[in-house]
N, C-alpha and C. Protein backbone atom coordinates (compact mmCIF):
# COMPACT_ATOMS: atom_id res chain seq x y z
N MET A 1 -22.19 -93.83 10.17
CA MET A 1 -22.21 -93.14 10.57
C MET A 1 -20.84 -93.49 11.82
N ASP A 2 -19.89 -92.30 11.56
CA ASP A 2 -18.79 -92.68 12.64
C ASP A 2 -18.55 -91.72 13.84
N ILE A 3 -19.32 -92.77 14.78
CA ILE A 3 -19.24 -92.26 15.93
C ILE A 3 -17.89 -91.79 17.07
N PRO A 4 -16.83 -92.72 16.52
CA PRO A 4 -15.49 -91.64 17.29
C PRO A 4 -15.19 -90.41 17.08
N ALA A 5 -15.65 -90.45 15.41
CA ALA A 5 -15.71 -88.64 14.58
C ALA A 5 -16.30 -87.92 15.34
N MET A 6 -17.65 -88.13 15.69
CA MET A 6 -18.59 -87.26 15.92
C MET A 6 -18.59 -87.04 17.45
N SER A 7 -17.56 -87.74 18.25
CA SER A 7 -17.43 -87.58 19.31
C SER A 7 -16.43 -86.75 19.85
N VAL A 8 -15.09 -86.55 19.34
CA VAL A 8 -14.32 -85.70 19.06
C VAL A 8 -14.74 -84.23 18.68
N ALA A 9 -15.35 -84.62 17.75
CA ALA A 9 -15.65 -83.34 17.08
C ALA A 9 -16.64 -82.33 18.06
N LEU A 10 -17.68 -83.11 19.03
CA LEU A 10 -18.22 -82.92 19.85
C LEU A 10 -17.59 -81.94 20.61
N SER A 11 -16.39 -82.71 21.42
CA SER A 11 -15.65 -82.30 22.48
C SER A 11 -15.02 -81.22 22.04
N GLN A 12 -14.46 -81.17 21.00
CA GLN A 12 -13.83 -79.79 20.58
C GLN A 12 -14.64 -79.10 20.44
N SER A 13 -15.65 -79.05 19.98
CA SER A 13 -16.68 -77.90 20.16
C SER A 13 -17.01 -77.67 21.48
N LYS A 14 -17.21 -78.35 22.53
CA LYS A 14 -17.24 -78.19 23.94
C LYS A 14 -16.30 -77.27 24.53
N LEU A 15 -15.02 -77.51 24.16
CA LEU A 15 -13.97 -76.94 24.81
C LEU A 15 -13.73 -75.68 23.97
N MET A 16 -14.06 -75.35 22.72
CA MET A 16 -14.24 -74.02 21.99
C MET A 16 -14.99 -72.82 22.90
N ASN A 17 -15.93 -73.54 23.15
CA ASN A 17 -16.78 -73.09 24.11
C ASN A 17 -16.79 -72.81 25.45
N ASP A 18 -15.82 -73.77 25.85
CA ASP A 18 -15.50 -73.48 27.46
C ASP A 18 -14.39 -72.24 27.53
N VAL A 19 -13.73 -72.29 26.38
CA VAL A 19 -12.40 -71.44 26.31
C VAL A 19 -13.08 -69.93 26.10
N GLY A 20 -14.18 -69.74 25.37
CA GLY A 20 -14.78 -68.47 25.29
C GLY A 20 -15.34 -68.03 26.36
N ILE A 21 -15.89 -68.79 26.81
CA ILE A 21 -17.06 -68.43 28.20
C ILE A 21 -15.37 -67.98 29.15
N SER A 22 -14.71 -68.70 29.35
CA SER A 22 -13.45 -68.09 30.24
C SER A 22 -13.00 -66.88 29.91
N VAL A 23 -12.61 -66.91 28.57
CA VAL A 23 -11.88 -65.68 28.21
C VAL A 23 -13.25 -64.11 28.40
N LEU A 24 -14.65 -64.40 28.10
CA LEU A 24 -15.55 -63.33 28.44
C LEU A 24 -15.32 -63.11 29.88
N LYS A 25 -15.62 -64.15 30.46
CA LYS A 25 -15.64 -63.98 31.99
C LYS A 25 -14.39 -63.17 32.62
N MET A 26 -12.67 -63.41 32.02
CA MET A 26 -11.82 -62.61 32.18
C MET A 26 -11.90 -61.20 31.81
N ALA A 27 -12.21 -60.51 30.54
CA ALA A 27 -12.73 -59.42 30.13
C ALA A 27 -13.66 -58.99 31.18
N LYS A 28 -14.63 -59.61 31.55
CA LYS A 28 -15.57 -58.55 32.30
C LYS A 28 -15.25 -58.43 33.50
N ASP A 29 -14.30 -59.20 34.28
CA ASP A 29 -13.63 -59.08 35.70
C ASP A 29 -12.69 -57.77 35.38
N HIS A 30 -12.21 -57.89 34.46
CA HIS A 30 -11.25 -56.93 34.00
C HIS A 30 -11.65 -55.46 33.78
N SER A 31 -12.89 -55.46 33.18
CA SER A 31 -13.67 -54.27 32.87
C SER A 31 -14.32 -53.76 34.50
N THR A 32 -15.06 -54.74 35.15
CA THR A 32 -15.50 -54.22 36.53
C THR A 32 -14.15 -53.67 37.67
N GLU A 33 -13.08 -54.13 37.33
CA GLU A 33 -11.82 -53.84 38.24
C GLU A 33 -11.87 -52.03 37.46
N GLN A 34 -11.29 -52.16 36.28
CA GLN A 34 -11.30 -50.72 35.42
C GLN A 34 -12.18 -49.63 36.08
N SER A 35 -13.63 -50.33 36.42
CA SER A 35 -14.80 -49.66 36.46
C SER A 35 -14.65 -48.88 38.01
N GLN A 36 -14.28 -49.74 38.72
CA GLN A 36 -14.34 -49.46 40.20
C GLN A 36 -13.00 -48.94 40.36
N GLN A 37 -11.86 -48.67 39.87
CA GLN A 37 -10.71 -47.97 40.24
C GLN A 37 -10.70 -46.69 39.27
N LEU A 38 -12.04 -46.53 38.45
CA LEU A 38 -12.31 -45.05 38.19
C LEU A 38 -13.01 -44.38 39.10
N ILE A 39 -14.11 -45.05 39.57
CA ILE A 39 -14.92 -44.48 40.43
C ILE A 39 -14.01 -44.49 41.40
N GLN A 40 -13.35 -44.66 41.78
CA GLN A 40 -12.15 -44.38 43.37
C GLN A 40 -11.55 -42.91 42.76
N MET A 41 -10.87 -43.01 41.42
CA MET A 41 -9.98 -41.98 41.27
C MET A 41 -11.09 -40.46 40.95
N MET A 42 -12.24 -40.85 40.74
CA MET A 42 -13.36 -39.83 40.53
C MET A 42 -13.91 -39.13 41.84
N ALA A 43 -13.85 -40.20 42.85
CA ALA A 43 -14.27 -39.71 44.45
C ALA A 43 -13.15 -38.95 44.88
N GLN A 44 -12.11 -39.35 44.29
CA GLN A 44 -10.85 -38.86 45.30
C GLN A 44 -10.35 -37.48 44.90
N SER A 45 -11.04 -37.06 43.49
CA SER A 45 -10.50 -35.89 42.63
C SER A 45 -11.73 -34.52 43.12
N VAL A 46 -12.74 -34.84 43.76
CA VAL A 46 -13.74 -34.00 44.29
C VAL A 46 -13.14 -33.12 45.21
N GLN A 47 -13.39 -31.58 44.62
CA GLN A 47 -12.55 -30.54 45.73
C GLN A 47 -13.42 -29.84 46.09
N PRO A 48 -14.88 -29.77 46.91
CA PRO A 48 -15.95 -29.05 46.51
C PRO A 48 -15.78 -27.55 47.27
N HIS A 49 -14.89 -27.31 47.89
CA HIS A 49 -14.39 -25.74 48.05
C HIS A 49 -14.03 -25.34 46.89
N LEU A 50 -13.20 -25.41 45.68
CA LEU A 50 -13.05 -24.97 44.55
C LEU A 50 -14.13 -24.55 43.68
N GLY A 51 -14.42 -23.49 42.88
CA GLY A 51 -15.43 -23.03 42.50
C GLY A 51 -16.31 -22.00 42.63
N GLY A 52 -16.17 -21.96 44.47
CA GLY A 52 -16.80 -21.31 45.12
C GLY A 52 -17.14 -19.61 44.78
N ASN A 53 -15.85 -19.56 44.76
CA ASN A 53 -15.90 -17.81 44.51
C ASN A 53 -15.30 -17.83 43.55
N ILE A 54 -15.42 -16.23 43.01
CA ILE A 54 -14.81 -15.72 41.67
C ILE A 54 -14.11 -14.17 42.17
N ASP A 55 -12.96 -14.16 41.74
CA ASP A 55 -12.11 -12.82 42.23
C ASP A 55 -12.34 -11.75 41.03
N LEU A 56 -13.08 -10.99 41.20
CA LEU A 56 -13.05 -10.04 40.03
C LEU A 56 -12.71 -8.63 40.44
N LYS A 57 -12.17 -7.81 39.22
CA LYS A 57 -11.30 -6.43 38.74
C LYS A 57 -11.87 -5.81 38.43
N VAL A 58 -12.40 -4.68 38.57
CA VAL A 58 -13.27 -3.48 37.76
C VAL A 58 -12.43 -2.80 37.69
């Protein structure tokens, strides 16, 4: 049993997992930020006075 090699392999595996988790956190934060911006844009685009009247010519 090669303990130093096993230690290095486990360390690399942990590093890969940590990097993967960090990337996922960054993606989640970016997605949350985009969602908040979309909600703000939708809230600003609401114009309740539009569509209440229809002009008809007969």
